[in-house]
C-alpha atoms as a PDB file:
ATOM      1  CA  MET A   1       0.000   0.000   0.000  1.00  0.00           C
ATOM      2  CA  SER A   2       1.311   3.441  -0.824  1.00  0.00           C
ATOM      3  CA  THR A   3       1.141   4.801   2.729  1.00  0.00           C
ATOM      4  CA  SER A   4       1.434   3.013   6.032  1.00  0.00           C
ATOM      5  CA  LEU A   5      -1.781   1.903   7.659  1.00  0.00           C
ATOM      6  CA  THR A   6      -0.681   3.521  10.919  1.00  0.00           C
ATOM      7  CA  ASP A   7      -0.453   6.913   9.233  1.00  0.00           C
ATOM      8  CA  THR A   8      -3.703   6.357   7.368  1.00  0.00           C
ATOM      9  CA  ALA A   9      -5.522   5.482  10.591  1.00  0.00           C
ATOM     10  CA  ARG A  10      -4.720   8.933  11.931  1.00  0.00           C
ATOM     11  CA  ARG A  11      -6.292  10.775   9.021  1.00  0.00           C
ATOM     12  CA  GLY A  12      -9.924   9.695   9.317  1.00  0.00           C
ATOM     13  CA  ASP A  13     -13.001  11.901   9.211  1.00  0.00           C
ATOM     14  CA  ARG A  14     -13.630  11.654  12.971  1.00  0.00           C
ATOM     15  CA  PRO A  15     -11.720  12.796  16.081  1.00  0.00           C
ATOM     16  CA  VAL A  16      -8.932  10.355  16.921  1.00  0.00           C
ATOM     17  CA  PHE A  17      -7.592   9.338  20.330  1.00  0.00           C
ATOM     18  CA  ASP A  18      -3.859   9.317  21.002  1.00  0.00           C
ATOM     19  CA  ASN A  19      -3.775   5.568  20.288  1.00  0.00           C
ATOM     20  CA  GLY A  20      -5.191   6.104  16.787  1.00  0.00           C
ATOM     21  CA  VAL A  21      -8.736   4.897  17.515  1.00  0.00           C
ATOM     22  CA  SER A  22     -11.500   6.970  15.950  1.00  0.00           C
ATOM     23  CA  ALA A  23     -13.858   8.518  18.487  1.00  0.00           C
ATOM     24  CA  VAL A  24     -17.043   7.059  17.010  1.00  0.00           C
ATOM     25  CA  PRO A  25     -20.106   8.549  18.721  1.00  0.00           C
ATOM     26  CA  VAL A  26     -22.077   6.058  20.806  1.00  0.00           C
ATOM     27  CA  ARG A  27     -25.143   6.521  18.585  1.00  0.00           C
ATOM     28  CA  GLU A  28     -23.093   5.134  15.673  1.00  0.00           C
ATOM     29  CA  LEU A  29     -22.196   2.062  17.702  1.00  0.00           C
ATOM     30  CA  THR A  30     -25.864   1.207  18.173  1.00  0.00           C
ATOM     31  CA  PRO A  31     -27.105  -1.136  15.448  1.00  0.00           C
ATOM     32  CA  THR A  32     -29.597   0.082  12.895  1.00  0.00           C
ATOM     33  CA  GLY A  33     -31.516  -1.948  10.358  1.00  0.00           C
ATOM     34  CA  LYS A  34     -34.198  -4.598  10.761  1.00  0.00           C
ATOM     35  CA  PHE A  35     -34.779  -4.065  14.485  1.00  0.00           C
ATOM     36  CA  THR A  36     -35.157  -1.000  16.668  1.00  0.00           C
ATOM     37  CA  PRO A  37     -32.344  -0.440  19.177  1.00  0.00           C
ATOM     38  CA  GLY A  38     -32.641   1.574  22.341  1.00  0.00           C
ATOM     39  CA  LEU A  39     -36.146   0.449  23.284  1.00  0.00           C
ATOM     40  CA  PRO A  40     -36.694  -0.384  26.961  1.00  0.00           C
ATOM     41  CA  TYR A  41     -36.537  -4.003  28.075  1.00  0.00           C
ATOM     42  CA  GLU A  42     -39.708  -5.076  29.848  1.00  0.00           C
ATOM     43  CA  LEU A  43     -38.862  -8.617  31.002  1.00  0.00           C
ATOM     44  CA  PHE A  44     -35.452  -8.156  32.654  1.00  0.00           C
ATOM     45  CA  GLY A  45     -32.983  -5.599  33.912  1.00  0.00           C
ATOM     46  CA  LEU A  46     -30.060  -4.584  31.686  1.00  0.00           C
ATOM     47  CA  ALA A  47     -26.906  -2.762  32.832  1.00  0.00           C
ATOM     48  CA  PRO A  48     -24.383  -1.856  30.095  1.00  0.00           C
ATOM     49  CA  CYS A  49     -20.761  -2.777  30.773  1.00  0.00           C
ATOM     50  CA  SER A  50     -19.340  -0.215  28.335  1.00  0.00           C
ATOM     51  CA  PRO A  51     -20.723   2.298  25.817  1.00  0.00           C
ATOM     52  CA  ALA A  52     -20.188  -0.101  22.897  1.00  0.00           C
ATOM     53  CA  ILE A  53     -20.397  -3.712  24.033  1.00  0.00           C
ATOM     54  CA  GLY A  54     -21.516  -5.943  26.871  1.00  0.00           C
ATOM     55  CA  ALA A  55     -24.496  -5.888  29.231  1.00  0.00           C
ATOM     56  CA  GLU A  56     -25.339  -7.691  32.462  1.00  0.00           C
ATOM     57  CA  ILE A  57     -28.850  -9.128  32.568  1.00  0.00           C
ATOM     58  CA  SER A  58     -30.770  -9.496  35.830  1.00  0.00           C
ATOM     59  CA  GLY A  59     -34.117 -11.065  36.646  1.00  0.00           C
ATOM     60  CA  VAL A  60     -33.789 -14.090  34.327  1.00  0.00           C
ATOM     61  CA  ASP A  61     -33.427 -17.726  35.401  1.00  0.00           C
ATOM     62  CA  LEU A  62     -31.910 -19.523  32.404  1.00  0.00           C
ATOM     63  CA  ALA A  63     -32.610 -22.920  33.974  1.00  0.00           C
ATOM     64  CA  ARG A  64     -36.314 -22.342  33.338  1.00  0.00           C
ATOM     65  CA  PRO A  65     -37.736 -22.673  29.801  1.00  0.00           C
ATOM     66  CA  LEU A  66     -37.897 -19.360  27.975  1.00  0.00           C
ATOM     67  CA  THR A  67     -41.089 -17.886  26.607  1.00  0.00           C
ATOM     68  CA  ASP A  68     -41.290 -16.556  23.069  1.00  0.00           C
ATOM     69  CA  GLU A  69     -41.485 -13.015  24.423  1.00  0.00           C
ATOM     70  CA  LEU A  70     -38.419 -13.434  26.644  1.00  0.00           C
ATOM     71  CA  HIS A  71     -36.460 -15.030  23.813  1.00  0.00           C
ATOM     72  CA  GLN A  72     -37.284 -12.128  21.509  1.00  0.00           C
ATOM     73  CA  GLU A  73     -36.182  -9.538  24.081  1.00  0.00           C
ATOM     74  CA  LEU A  74     -32.957 -11.415  24.826  1.00  0.00           C
ATOM     75  CA  HIS A  75     -32.218 -11.689  21.117  1.00  0.00           C
ATOM     76  CA  ARG A  76     -32.724  -7.943  20.695  1.00  0.00           C
ATOM     77  CA  ALA A  77     -30.362  -7.333  23.603  1.00  0.00           C
ATOM     78  CA  LEU A  78     -27.798  -9.687  22.054  1.00  0.00           C
ATOM     79  CA  LEU A  79     -27.921  -7.796  18.758  1.00  0.00           C
ATOM     80  CA  GLU A  80     -27.636  -4.460  20.517  1.00  0.00           C
ATOM     81  CA  TRP A  81     -24.906  -5.301  23.055  1.00  0.00           C
ATOM     82  CA  LYS A  82     -23.106  -8.266  21.363  1.00  0.00           C
ATOM     83  CA  VAL A  83     -22.458 -10.156  24.628  1.00  0.00           C
ATOM     84  CA  LEU A  84     -24.799 -10.727  27.579  1.00  0.00           C
ATOM     85  CA  PHE A  85     -23.800 -11.762  31.104  1.00  0.00           C
ATOM     86  CA  PHE A  86     -25.990 -13.661  33.576  1.00  0.00           C
ATOM     87  CA  ARG A  87     -24.927 -14.292  37.187  1.00  0.00           C
ATOM     88  CA  ASP A  88     -25.896 -17.212  39.469  1.00  0.00           C
ATOM     89  CA  GLN A  89     -27.196 -19.533  36.759  1.00  0.00           C
ATOM     90  CA  ARG A  90     -27.147 -23.186  37.854  1.00  0.00           C
ATOM     91  CA  LEU A  91     -27.599 -25.080  34.609  1.00  0.00           C
ATOM     92  CA  THR A  92     -27.374 -28.788  33.957  1.00  0.00           C
ATOM     93  CA  PRO A  93     -25.763 -29.774  30.644  1.00  0.00           C
ATOM     94  CA  ILE A  94     -29.242 -30.566  29.277  1.00  0.00           C
ATOM     95  CA  GLN A  95     -30.570 -27.147  30.305  1.00  0.00           C
ATOM     96  CA  HIS A  96     -27.480 -25.520  28.805  1.00  0.00           C
ATOM     97  CA  ARG A  97     -28.011 -27.283  25.486  1.00  0.00           C
ATOM     98  CA  ASP A  98     -31.755 -26.610  25.478  1.00  0.00           C
ATOM     99  CA  LEU A  99     -31.162 -22.903  26.111  1.00  0.00           C
ATOM    100  CA  ALA A 100     -28.942 -22.746  23.023  1.00  0.00           C
ATOM    101  CA  ARG A 101     -31.666 -24.420  20.948  1.00  0.00           C
ATOM    102  CA  TRP A 102     -33.772 -21.273  21.197  1.00  0.00           C
ATOM    103  CA  TRP A 103     -31.226 -19.638  18.859  1.00  0.00           C
ATOM    104  CA  GLY A 104     -30.515 -22.553  16.521  1.00  0.00           C
ATOM    105  CA  THR A 105     -28.886 -25.951  16.306  1.00  0.00           C
ATOM    106  CA  PRO A 106     -26.136 -26.679  18.867  1.00  0.00           C
ATOM    107  CA  GLU A 107     -22.917 -27.771  17.211  1.00  0.00           C
ATOM    108  CA  VAL A 108     -20.942 -30.896  18.026  1.00  0.00           C
ATOM    109  CA  HIS A 109     -17.465 -29.368  17.917  1.00  0.00           C
ATOM    110  CA  PRO A 110     -15.100 -31.340  15.671  1.00  0.00           C
ATOM    111  CA  PHE A 111     -12.029 -30.973  17.910  1.00  0.00           C
ATOM    112  CA  LEU A 112     -12.744 -29.962  21.501  1.00  0.00           C
ATOM    113  CA  PRO A 113     -13.435 -32.417  24.377  1.00  0.00           C
ATOM    114  CA  LYS A 114     -17.040 -32.924  25.431  1.00  0.00           C
ATOM    115  CA  ALA A 115     -18.813 -32.879  28.793  1.00  0.00           C
ATOM    116  CA  ASP A 116     -21.845 -35.088  29.505  1.00  0.00           C
ATOM    117  CA  LEU A 117     -23.488 -34.319  26.151  1.00  0.00           C
ATOM    118  CA  PRO A 118     -21.880 -34.197  22.701  1.00  0.00           C
ATOM    119  CA  GLU A 119     -23.060 -30.594  22.211  1.00  0.00           C
ATOM    120  CA  VAL A 120     -21.464 -29.394  25.466  1.00  0.00           C
ATOM    121  CA  VAL A 121     -17.732 -28.687  25.241  1.00  0.00           C
ATOM    122  CA  ARG A 122     -15.696 -28.852  28.463  1.00  0.00           C
ATOM    123  CA  LEU A 123     -12.694 -26.518  28.620  1.00  0.00           C
ATOM    124  CA  SER A 124     -10.441 -27.363  31.543  1.00  0.00           C
ATOM    125  CA  ARG A 125      -7.223 -25.385  31.833  1.00  0.00           C
ATOM    126  CA  GLY A 126      -4.604 -25.483  34.551  1.00  0.00           C
ATOM    127  CA  ALA A 127      -1.159 -26.809  35.401  1.00  0.00           C
ATOM    128  CA  ASP A 128      -1.547 -29.876  33.162  1.00  0.00           C
ATOM    129  CA  SER A 129      -3.296 -28.042  30.320  1.00  0.00           C
ATOM    130  CA  PRO A 130      -2.175 -24.409  29.949  1.00  0.00           C
ATOM    131  CA  ALA A 131      -4.520 -21.846  28.432  1.00  0.00           C
ATOM    132  CA  VAL A 132      -4.554 -21.598  24.634  1.00  0.00           C
ATOM    133  CA  GLU A 133      -7.499 -19.220  24.208  1.00  0.00           C
ATOM    134  CA  ASN A 134      -5.484 -16.122  25.124  1.00  0.00           C
ATOM    135  CA  VAL A 135      -5.443 -14.842  21.533  1.00  0.00           C
ATOM    136  CA  TRP A 136      -8.134 -12.611  20.034  1.00  0.00           C
ATOM    137  CA  HIS A 137     -10.378 -14.827  17.898  1.00  0.00           C
ATOM    138  CA  SER A 138     -13.841 -15.719  16.673  1.00  0.00           C
ATOM    139  CA  ASP A 139     -14.917 -19.307  17.302  1.00  0.00           C
ATOM    140  CA  ALA A 140     -14.606 -21.755  14.404  1.00  0.00           C
ATOM    141  CA  SER A 141     -14.376 -19.213  11.581  1.00  0.00           C
ATOM    142  CA  PHE A 142     -12.693 -22.018   9.598  1.00  0.00           C
ATOM    143  CA  GLU A 143     -16.120 -23.562   9.000  1.00  0.00           C
ATOM    144  CA  THR A 144     -18.158 -22.844   5.873  1.00  0.00           C
ATOM    145  CA  THR A 145     -20.998 -21.699   8.139  1.00  0.00           C
ATOM    146  CA  PRO A 146     -19.271 -20.406  11.291  1.00  0.00           C
ATOM    147  CA  PRO A 147     -21.171 -20.324  14.592  1.00  0.00           C
ATOM    148  CA  MET A 148     -23.815 -17.700  15.182  1.00  0.00           C
ATOM    149  CA  GLY A 149     -23.136 -17.594  18.909  1.00  0.00           C
ATOM    150  CA  SER A 150     -21.640 -19.279  21.940  1.00  0.00           C
ATOM    151  CA  ILE A 151     -23.001 -19.754  25.469  1.00  0.00           C
ATOM    152  CA  LEU A 152     -20.272 -20.271  28.072  1.00  0.00           C
ATOM    153  CA  ARG A 153     -20.825 -21.233  31.728  1.00  0.00           C
ATOM    154  CA  ALA A 154     -18.227 -21.017  34.496  1.00  0.00           C
ATOM    155  CA  VAL A 155     -17.951 -24.308  36.388  1.00  0.00           C
ATOM    156  CA  HIS A 156     -14.821 -23.545  38.419  1.00  0.00           C
ATOM    157  CA  VAL A 157     -12.776 -20.346  38.340  1.00  0.00           C
ATOM    158  CA  PRO A 158      -9.613 -19.225  40.152  1.00  0.00           C
ATOM    159  CA  ASP A 159      -9.900 -16.734  42.991  1.00  0.00           C
ATOM    160  CA  VAL A 160      -8.096 -14.149  40.866  1.00  0.00           C
ATOM    161  CA  GLY A 161      -7.520 -14.050  37.104  1.00  0.00           C
ATOM    162  CA  GLY A 162      -9.054 -15.888  34.189  1.00  0.00           C
ATOM    163  CA  ASP A 163     -11.144 -12.944  32.962  1.00  0.00           C
ATOM    164  CA  THR A 164     -12.527 -12.958  29.425  1.00  0.00           C
ATOM    165  CA  LEU A 165     -12.567  -9.897  27.167  1.00  0.00           C
ATOM    166  CA  TRP A 166     -14.781  -9.278  24.146  1.00  0.00           C
ATOM    167  CA  ALA A 167     -14.287  -6.785  21.320  1.00  0.00           C
ATOM    168  CA  ASP A 168     -17.049  -5.300  19.163  1.00  0.00           C
ATOM    169  CA  MET A 169     -15.885  -5.769  15.587  1.00  0.00           C
ATOM    170  CA  ALA A 170     -18.758  -3.680  14.219  1.00  0.00           C
ATOM    171  CA  ALA A 171     -17.616  -0.726  16.312  1.00  0.00           C
ATOM    172  CA  ALA A 172     -14.063  -1.454  15.138  1.00  0.00           C
ATOM    173  CA  TYR A 173     -15.213  -1.311  11.518  1.00  0.00           C
ATOM    174  CA  ASP A 174     -17.075   1.948  12.140  1.00  0.00           C
ATOM    175  CA  GLY A 175     -13.862   3.378  13.603  1.00  0.00           C
ATOM    176  CA  LEU A 176     -11.782   2.692  10.497  1.00  0.00           C
ATOM    177  CA  PRO A 177     -10.894   5.660   8.293  1.00  0.00           C
ATOM    178  CA  GLU A 178     -12.949   5.951   5.134  1.00  0.00           C
ATOM    179  CA  ASP A 179     -10.055   5.054   2.828  1.00  0.00           C
ATOM    180  CA  VAL A 180      -9.397   1.822   4.727  1.00  0.00           C
ATOM    181  CA  ARG A 181     -13.077   0.851   4.581  1.00  0.00           C
ATOM    182  CA  THR A 182     -12.979   1.479   0.838  1.00  0.00           C
ATOM    183  CA  ARG A 183      -9.840  -0.650   0.563  1.00  0.00           C
ATOM    184  CA  LEU A 184     -11.647  -3.582   2.190  1.00  0.00           C
ATOM    185  CA  GLU A 185     -14.572  -3.599  -0.230  1.00  0.00           C
ATOM    186  CA  GLY A 186     -14.894  -6.967  -1.985  1.00  0.00           C
ATOM    187  CA  LEU A 187     -11.885  -8.578  -0.278  1.00  0.00           C
ATOM    188  CA  CYS A 188     -12.065 -12.161   0.964  1.00  0.00           C
ATOM    189  CA  ALA A 189      -9.755 -13.940   3.406  1.00  0.00           C
ATOM    190  CA  VAL A 190      -9.020 -17.657   3.737  1.00  0.00           C
ATOM    191  CA  HIS A 191      -9.714 -19.338   7.107  1.00  0.00           C
ATOM    192  CA  ASP A 192      -8.262 -22.711   8.101  1.00  0.00           C
ATOM    193  CA  PHE A 193      -7.905 -24.803  11.287  1.00  0.00           C
ATOM    194  CA  THR A 194      -4.558 -26.380  10.370  1.00  0.00           C
ATOM    195  CA  ARG A 195      -2.291 -24.017  12.310  1.00  0.00           C
ATOM    196  CA  SER A 196      -4.414 -24.336  15.459  1.00  0.00           C
ATOM    197  CA  PHE A 197      -6.352 -27.560  16.007  1.00  0.00           C
ATOM    198  CA  GLY A 198      -4.379 -29.253  13.250  1.00  0.00           C
ATOM    199  CA  ARG A 199      -1.196 -29.143  15.310  1.00  0.00           C
ATOM    200  CA  ARG A 200      -2.659 -31.744  17.672  1.00  0.00           C
ATOM    201  CA  LEU A 201      -3.429 -34.278  14.936  1.00  0.00           C
ATOM    202  CA  GLY A 202      -1.356 -37.009  13.362  1.00  0.00           C
ATOM    203  CA  PRO A 203      -0.848 -36.986   9.575  1.00  0.00           C
ATOM    204  CA  ASP A 204      -3.756 -39.336   8.798  1.00  0.00           C
ATOM    205  CA  ASP A 205      -6.239 -37.578  11.076  1.00  0.00           C
ATOM    206  CA  LEU A 206      -5.100 -34.198   9.774  1.00  0.00           C
ATOM    207  CA  ALA A 207      -5.680 -35.244   6.173  1.00  0.00           C
ATOM    208  CA  ARG A 208      -9.117 -36.617   7.066  1.00  0.00           C
ATOM    209  CA  MET A 209     -10.189 -33.450   8.862  1.00  0.00           C
ATOM    210  CA  GLN A 210      -8.802 -31.204   6.136  1.00  0.00           C
ATOM    211  CA  GLN A 211     -11.000 -33.079   3.687  1.00  0.00           C
ATOM    212  CA  LYS A 212     -14.004 -32.629   5.969  1.00  0.00           C
ATOM    213  CA  TYR A 213     -13.196 -28.988   6.790  1.00  0.00           C
ATOM    214  CA  PRO A 214     -11.272 -27.566   3.829  1.00  0.00           C
ATOM    215  CA  ALA A 215      -9.967 -24.010   3.946  1.00  0.00           C
ATOM    216  CA  VAL A 216     -12.762 -21.554   3.172  1.00  0.00           C
ATOM    217  CA  ALA A 217     -12.893 -17.931   2.024  1.00  0.00           C
ATOM    218  CA  HIS A 218     -15.076 -15.439   3.898  1.00  0.00           C
ATOM    219  CA  PRO A 219     -15.549 -11.699   3.294  1.00  0.00           C
ATOM    220  CA  VAL A 220     -13.081  -9.535   5.185  1.00  0.00           C
ATOM    221  CA  VAL A 221     -16.098  -7.353   6.019  1.00  0.00           C
ATOM    222  CA  ARG A 222     -19.332  -9.224   6.689  1.00  0.00           C
ATOM    223  CA  THR A 223     -22.850  -7.906   7.316  1.00  0.00           C
ATOM    224  CA  LEU A 224     -25.205  -9.003  10.083  1.00  0.00           C
ATOM    225  CA  PRO A 225     -28.509  -9.995   8.469  1.00  0.00           C
ATOM    226  CA  GLU A 226     -30.715  -8.803  11.359  1.00  0.00           C
ATOM    227  CA  SER A 227     -29.235  -5.327  11.727  1.00  0.00           C
ATOM    228  CA  GLY A 228     -27.338  -4.500   8.537  1.00  0.00           C
ATOM    229  CA  ARG A 229     -24.241  -3.686  10.628  1.00  0.00           C
ATOM    230  CA  ARG A 230     -20.904  -4.224   8.865  1.00  0.00           C
ATOM    231  CA  LEU A 231     -17.978  -5.629  10.797  1.00  0.00           C
ATOM    232  CA  ILE A 232     -14.384  -6.824  10.481  1.00  0.00           C
ATOM    233  CA  TYR A 233     -14.334 -10.605  10.025  1.00  0.00           C
ATOM    234  CA  VAL A 234     -10.736 -11.795  10.280  1.00  0.00           C
ATOM    235  CA  ASN A 235      -8.961 -13.174  13.347  1.00  0.00           C
ATOM    236  CA  ARG A 236      -5.435 -14.112  14.283  1.00  0.00           C
ATOM    237  CA  ILE A 237      -6.046 -17.816  15.010  1.00  0.00           C
ATOM    238  CA  PHE A 238      -7.864 -18.983  11.896  1.00  0.00           C
ATOM    239  CA  THR A 239      -7.325 -16.396   9.118  1.00  0.00           C
ATOM    240  CA  GLN A 240      -4.454 -17.379   6.807  1.00  0.00           C
ATOM    241  CA  HIS A 241      -4.257 -14.759   4.045  1.00  0.00           C
ATOM    242  CA  ILE A 242      -6.282 -12.330   1.931  1.00  0.00           C
ATOM    243  CA  GLU A 243      -7.057 -13.510  -1.559  1.00  0.00           C
ATOM    244  CA  GLY A 244      -5.561 -11.468  -4.390  1.00  0.00           C
ATOM    245  CA  LEU A 245      -3.016  -9.555  -2.300  1.00  0.00           C
ATOM    246  CA  SER A 246       0.727 -10.104  -2.296  1.00  0.00           C
ATOM    247  CA  GLY A 247       2.244 -11.669   0.808  1.00  0.00           C
ATOM    248  CA  GLN A 248       3.625  -8.474   2.331  1.00  0.00           C
ATOM    249  CA  GLU A 249       0.629  -6.307   1.475  1.00  0.00           C
ATOM    250  CA  GLY A 250      -1.807  -8.929   2.757  1.00  0.00           C
ATOM    251  CA  ARG A 251       0.123  -9.489   5.983  1.00  0.00           C
ATOM    252  CA  GLU A 252       0.309  -5.762   6.656  1.00  0.00           C
ATOM    253  CA  LEU A 253      -3.413  -5.341   6.141  1.00  0.00           C
ATOM    254  CA  LEU A 254      -4.281  -8.376   8.275  1.00  0.00           C
ATOM    255  CA  GLU A 255      -2.038  -7.251  11.128  1.00  0.00           C
ATOM    256  CA  PHE A 256      -3.712  -3.846  11.082  1.00  0.00           C
ATOM    257  CA  LEU A 257      -7.178  -5.431  11.180  1.00  0.00           C
ATOM    258  CA  TYR A 258      -6.210  -7.927  13.897  1.00  0.00           C
ATOM    259  CA  ASP A 259      -5.000  -5.068  16.070  1.00  0.00           C
ATOM    260  CA  GLN A 260      -8.407  -3.344  16.045  1.00  0.00           C
ATOM    261  CA  ALA A 261      -9.693  -5.874  18.588  1.00  0.00           C
ATOM    262  CA  ARG A 262      -6.981  -4.774  21.041  1.00  0.00           C
ATOM    263  CA  HIS A 263      -8.323  -1.245  21.572  1.00  0.00           C
ATOM    264  CA  PRO A 264     -10.074  -0.848  24.967  1.00  0.00           C
ATOM    265  CA  GLU A 265     -12.577   1.566  23.402  1.00  0.00           C
ATOM    266  CA  TYR A 266     -14.146  -1.431  21.624  1.00  0.00           C
ATOM    267  CA  GLN A 267     -13.986  -3.864  24.560  1.00  0.00           C
ATOM    268  CA  CYS A 268     -15.678  -5.096  27.688  1.00  0.00           C
ATOM    269  CA  ARG A 269     -14.244  -7.435  30.334  1.00  0.00           C
ATOM    270  CA  LEU A 270     -15.905 -10.040  32.542  1.00  0.00           C
ATOM    271  CA  ARG A 271     -14.626 -11.182  35.908  1.00  0.00           C
ATOM    272  CA  TRP A 272     -16.025 -14.673  36.249  1.00  0.00           C
ATOM    273  CA  ARG A 273     -17.725 -16.228  39.237  1.00  0.00           C
ATOM    274  CA  ALA A 274     -18.931 -19.825  39.375  1.00  0.00           C
ATOM    275  CA  ASP A 275     -22.298 -20.212  37.596  1.00  0.00           C
ATOM    276  CA  THR A 276     -21.843 -17.047  35.535  1.00  0.00           C
ATOM    277  CA  VAL A 277     -23.050 -17.416  31.930  1.00  0.00           C
ATOM    278  CA  ALA A 278     -21.835 -15.365  28.965  1.00  0.00           C
ATOM    279  CA  PHE A 279     -23.739 -15.447  25.671  1.00  0.00           C
ATOM    280  CA  TRP A 280     -22.031 -13.717  22.752  1.00  0.00           C
ATOM    281  CA  ASP A 281     -22.753 -13.057  19.100  1.00  0.00           C
ATOM    282  CA  ASN A 282     -19.832 -14.922  17.541  1.00  0.00           C
ATOM    283  CA  ARG A 283     -20.351 -13.166  14.218  1.00  0.00           C
ATOM    284  CA  ALA A 284     -19.934  -9.665  15.605  1.00  0.00           C
ATOM    285  CA  THR A 285     -17.265 -10.145  18.265  1.00  0.00           C
ATOM    286  CA  GLN A 286     -13.870 -11.532  19.036  1.00  0.00           C
ATOM    287  CA  HIS A 287     -12.897 -12.715  22.499  1.00  0.00           C
ATOM    288  CA  TYR A 288      -9.746 -13.284  24.529  1.00  0.00           C
ATOM    289  CA  ALA A 289      -9.534 -15.559  27.590  1.00  0.00           C
ATOM    290  CA  SER A 290      -6.759 -14.296  29.828  1.00  0.00           C
ATOM    291  CA  GLY A 291      -4.316 -17.055  30.786  1.00  0.00           C
ATOM    292  CA  ASP A 292      -3.005 -15.246  33.878  1.00  0.00           C
ATOM    293  CA  TYR A 293      -4.300 -17.842  36.378  1.00  0.00           C
ATOM    294  CA  TYR A 294      -1.660 -20.531  35.692  1.00  0.00           C
ATOM    295  CA  PRO A 295      -1.041 -22.932  37.490  1.00  0.00           C
ATOM    296  CA  HIS A 296      -4.529 -22.694  39.014  1.00  0.00           C
ATOM    297  CA  THR A 297      -7.513 -24.314  37.347  1.00  0.00           C
ATOM    298  CA  ARG A 298     -10.305 -22.803  35.270  1.00  0.00           C
ATOM    299  CA  VAL A 299     -13.144 -25.058  34.059  1.00  0.00           C
ATOM    300  CA  MET A 300     -15.822 -23.859  31.632  1.00  0.00           C
ATOM    301  CA  GLU A 301     -18.600 -25.513  29.629  1.00  0.00           C
ATOM    302  CA  ARG A 302     -19.724 -24.135  26.282  1.00  0.00           C
ATOM    303  CA  VAL A 303     -22.454 -24.738  23.742  1.00  0.00           C
ATOM    304  CA  THR A 304     -21.948 -23.253  20.279  1.00  0.00           C
ATOM    305  CA  ILE A 305     -24.857 -22.474  17.965  1.00  0.00           C
ATOM    306  CA  LEU A 306     -24.591 -23.148  14.247  1.00  0.00           C
ATOM    307  CA  GLY A 307     -24.725 -20.115  11.977  1.00  0.00           C
ATOM    308  CA  ASP A 308     -24.944 -19.233   8.289  1.00  0.00           C
ATOM    309  CA  ARG A 309     -22.413 -18.424   5.604  1.00  0.00           C
ATOM    310  CA  PRO A 310     -20.958 -14.924   6.002  1.00  0.00           C
ATOM    311  CA  GLN A 311     -22.218 -12.402   3.443  1.00  0.00           C
END
């Protein structure tokens, strides 16, 4: 590219903080499109965790079956705030899976270990299994139809540490300078599991899984069908390269886009307690599980909800 992306990022059409992040007004961070944001919530309490992303929900017992009305309000909150937090939720694996079914089909993850049900992944990290999720990423973007969302429950957490952070990739897209957004139009990036989950497989199993889950190209900027919001859709774990760009140019652009998730202005952070549940829109966010609790143990259970092909 003719000028550095760092310089370009400081010449946008909005005020810019000292770290180069555009000061996007909060009203621009609120989704617009096929649903109406900002309406009051009648069936639960909602406390935002930041201006852009994250909200704690009160007055909902997720162990009880939802009603259609409650599901619709929770879905609107998910679209508006990208990740929802629920405290003191004592869910069995069956209740966990059945909750996810309100939003779609729970996935049986092709690589991760399972709990009591095939749809419930168990993530146990500690002295014998150090954290590997401490990289900004979107779950399973290597799939042709990546997950719509993930519901994660804390089973056991350390006294200190083990927080998870989420970044709003729609707000990050809105904060890009106009010339960078124009540069991204029509670009696609290739996503693949080989450099992550593939490292744990022997040659035969790797070849079999590569045939089942071949590398796939997704738009660098995807659109959420419910809201029309555009967002950055590349991540450091699964994205390999941008189609049609030379190695150096593509790497430079990807590194710049990866780094957008690292800006606190686009983030929220959760300090876990046992029986806390986080439900995030996997299309619109990236997340980072801090590995600072080693050698103590952190045990989580997750159900992932199948999605559609990015457009």
